[in-house]
Amino acid sequence: MPSHYGGSKTHQGGNGKLTQRQKDTMKRHSKHHTKKHMDEMTKLMKGGKTFGEAHKIAMKKVGK
């Protein structure tokens, strides 16, 4: 069964790299958040989390 049929919600399978679109989005996002927040999000996204998931976790863990 294909992974897009209700599998885990990973953006890129956690290959350790961000897509160009993710990099661009993170650059805009960084104007509103601390380096600590951005580093946490980057780590999570490299691990396969989506932008929204990573943001939510980072907000809980390190704040803005």
C-alpha atoms as a PDB file:
ATOM      1  CA  MET A   1       0.000   0.000   0.000  1.00  0.00           C
ATOM      2  CA  PRO A   2       1.410   3.441  -0.890  1.00  0.00           C
ATOM      3  CA  SER A   3       2.719   5.510   1.993  1.00  0.00           C
ATOM      4  CA  HIS A   4       0.347   8.392   1.216  1.00  0.00           C
ATOM      5  CA  TYR A   5      -2.601   6.241   2.314  1.00  0.00           C
ATOM      6  CA  GLY A   6      -2.794   7.416   5.895  1.00  0.00           C
ATOM      7  CA  GLY A   7       0.838   6.764   6.747  1.00  0.00           C
ATOM      8  CA  SER A   8       2.849   9.023   8.992  1.00  0.00           C
ATOM      9  CA  LYS A   9       2.830  12.669   8.004  1.00  0.00           C
ATOM     10  CA  THR A  10       6.416  13.274   6.947  1.00  0.00           C
ATOM     11  CA  HIS A  11       7.343  15.804   4.353  1.00  0.00           C
ATOM     12  CA  GLN A  12      10.428  14.195   2.936  1.00  0.00           C
ATOM     13  CA  GLY A  13      11.026  11.034   4.860  1.00  0.00           C
ATOM     14  CA  GLY A  14      13.558  12.686   7.118  1.00  0.00           C
ATOM     15  CA  ASN A  15      16.475  12.648   4.711  1.00  0.00           C
ATOM     16  CA  GLY A  16      18.277  15.348   6.688  1.00  0.00           C
ATOM     17  CA  LYS A  17      17.818  18.110   4.119  1.00  0.00           C
ATOM     18  CA  LEU A  18      15.321  20.897   3.635  1.00  0.00           C
ATOM     19  CA  THR A  19      13.780  21.564   0.243  1.00  0.00           C
ATOM     20  CA  GLN A  20      14.270  24.983  -1.349  1.00  0.00           C
ATOM     21  CA  ARG A  21      10.639  25.788  -0.578  1.00  0.00           C
ATOM     22  CA  GLN A  22      11.181  24.932   3.093  1.00  0.00           C
ATOM     23  CA  LYS A  23      14.338  27.069   3.192  1.00  0.00           C
ATOM     24  CA  ASP A  24      12.474  30.044   1.718  1.00  0.00           C
ATOM     25  CA  THR A  25       9.612  29.621   4.185  1.00  0.00           C
ATOM     26  CA  MET A  26      12.023  29.345   7.110  1.00  0.00           C
ATOM     27  CA  LYS A  27      13.786  32.541   6.024  1.00  0.00           C
ATOM     28  CA  ARG A  28      10.495  34.471   6.139  1.00  0.00           C
ATOM     29  CA  HIS A  29       9.531  32.774   9.401  1.00  0.00           C
ATOM     30  CA  SER A  30      12.837  33.717  11.060  1.00  0.00           C
ATOM     31  CA  LYS A  31      11.863  37.396  11.086  1.00  0.00           C
ATOM     32  CA  HIS A  32       9.284  36.570  13.765  1.00  0.00           C
ATOM     33  CA  HIS A  33      11.110  34.009  15.901  1.00  0.00           C
ATOM     34  CA  THR A  34      14.308  33.511  17.887  1.00  0.00           C
ATOM     35  CA  LYS A  35      17.326  31.561  16.686  1.00  0.00           C
ATOM     36  CA  LYS A  36      16.573  28.916  19.301  1.00  0.00           C
ATOM     37  CA  HIS A  37      13.060  28.461  17.880  1.00  0.00           C
ATOM     38  CA  MET A  38      14.392  28.298  14.327  1.00  0.00           C
ATOM     39  CA  ASP A  39      17.124  25.794  15.215  1.00  0.00           C
ATOM     40  CA  GLU A  40      14.568  23.528  16.861  1.00  0.00           C
ATOM     41  CA  MET A  41      12.277  23.739  13.831  1.00  0.00           C
ATOM     42  CA  THR A  42      15.142  23.005  11.442  1.00  0.00           C
ATOM     43  CA  LYS A  43      16.150  19.941  13.456  1.00  0.00           C
ATOM     44  CA  LEU A  44      12.573  18.644  13.477  1.00  0.00           C
ATOM     45  CA  MET A  45      12.034  19.277   9.776  1.00  0.00           C
ATOM     46  CA  LYS A  46      15.285  17.524   8.892  1.00  0.00           C
ATOM     47  CA  GLY A  47      13.893  14.609  10.862  1.00  0.00           C
ATOM     48  CA  GLY A  48      10.819  14.536   8.641  1.00  0.00           C
ATOM     49  CA  LYS A  49       8.266  16.756  10.390  1.00  0.00           C
ATOM     50  CA  THR A  50       6.205  19.172   8.323  1.00  0.00           C
ATOM     51  CA  PHE A  51       6.601  22.922   8.820  1.00  0.00           C
ATOM     52  CA  GLY A  52       3.368  23.123  10.824  1.00  0.00           C
ATOM     53  CA  GLU A  53       4.236  20.173  13.031  1.00  0.00           C
ATOM     54  CA  ALA A  54       7.742  21.494  13.660  1.00  0.00           C
ATOM     55  CA  HIS A  55       6.416  24.956  14.513  1.00  0.00           C
ATOM     56  CA  LYS A  56       3.886  23.625  16.992  1.00  0.00           C
ATOM     57  CA  ILE A  57       6.493  21.466  18.752  1.00  0.00           C
ATOM     58  CA  ALA A  58       9.056  24.290  18.801  1.00  0.00           C
ATOM     59  CA  MET A  59       6.525  26.708  20.280  1.00  0.00           C
ATOM     60  CA  LYS A  60       5.779  24.269  23.093  1.00  0.00           C
ATOM     61  CA  LYS A  61       9.399  23.350  23.692  1.00  0.00           C
ATOM     62  CA  VAL A  62      11.323  26.633  23.355  1.00  0.00           C
ATOM     63  CA  GLY A  63       8.685  29.302  22.795  1.00  0.00           C
ATOM     64  CA  LYS A  64       8.927  32.159  20.355  1.00  0.00           C
END
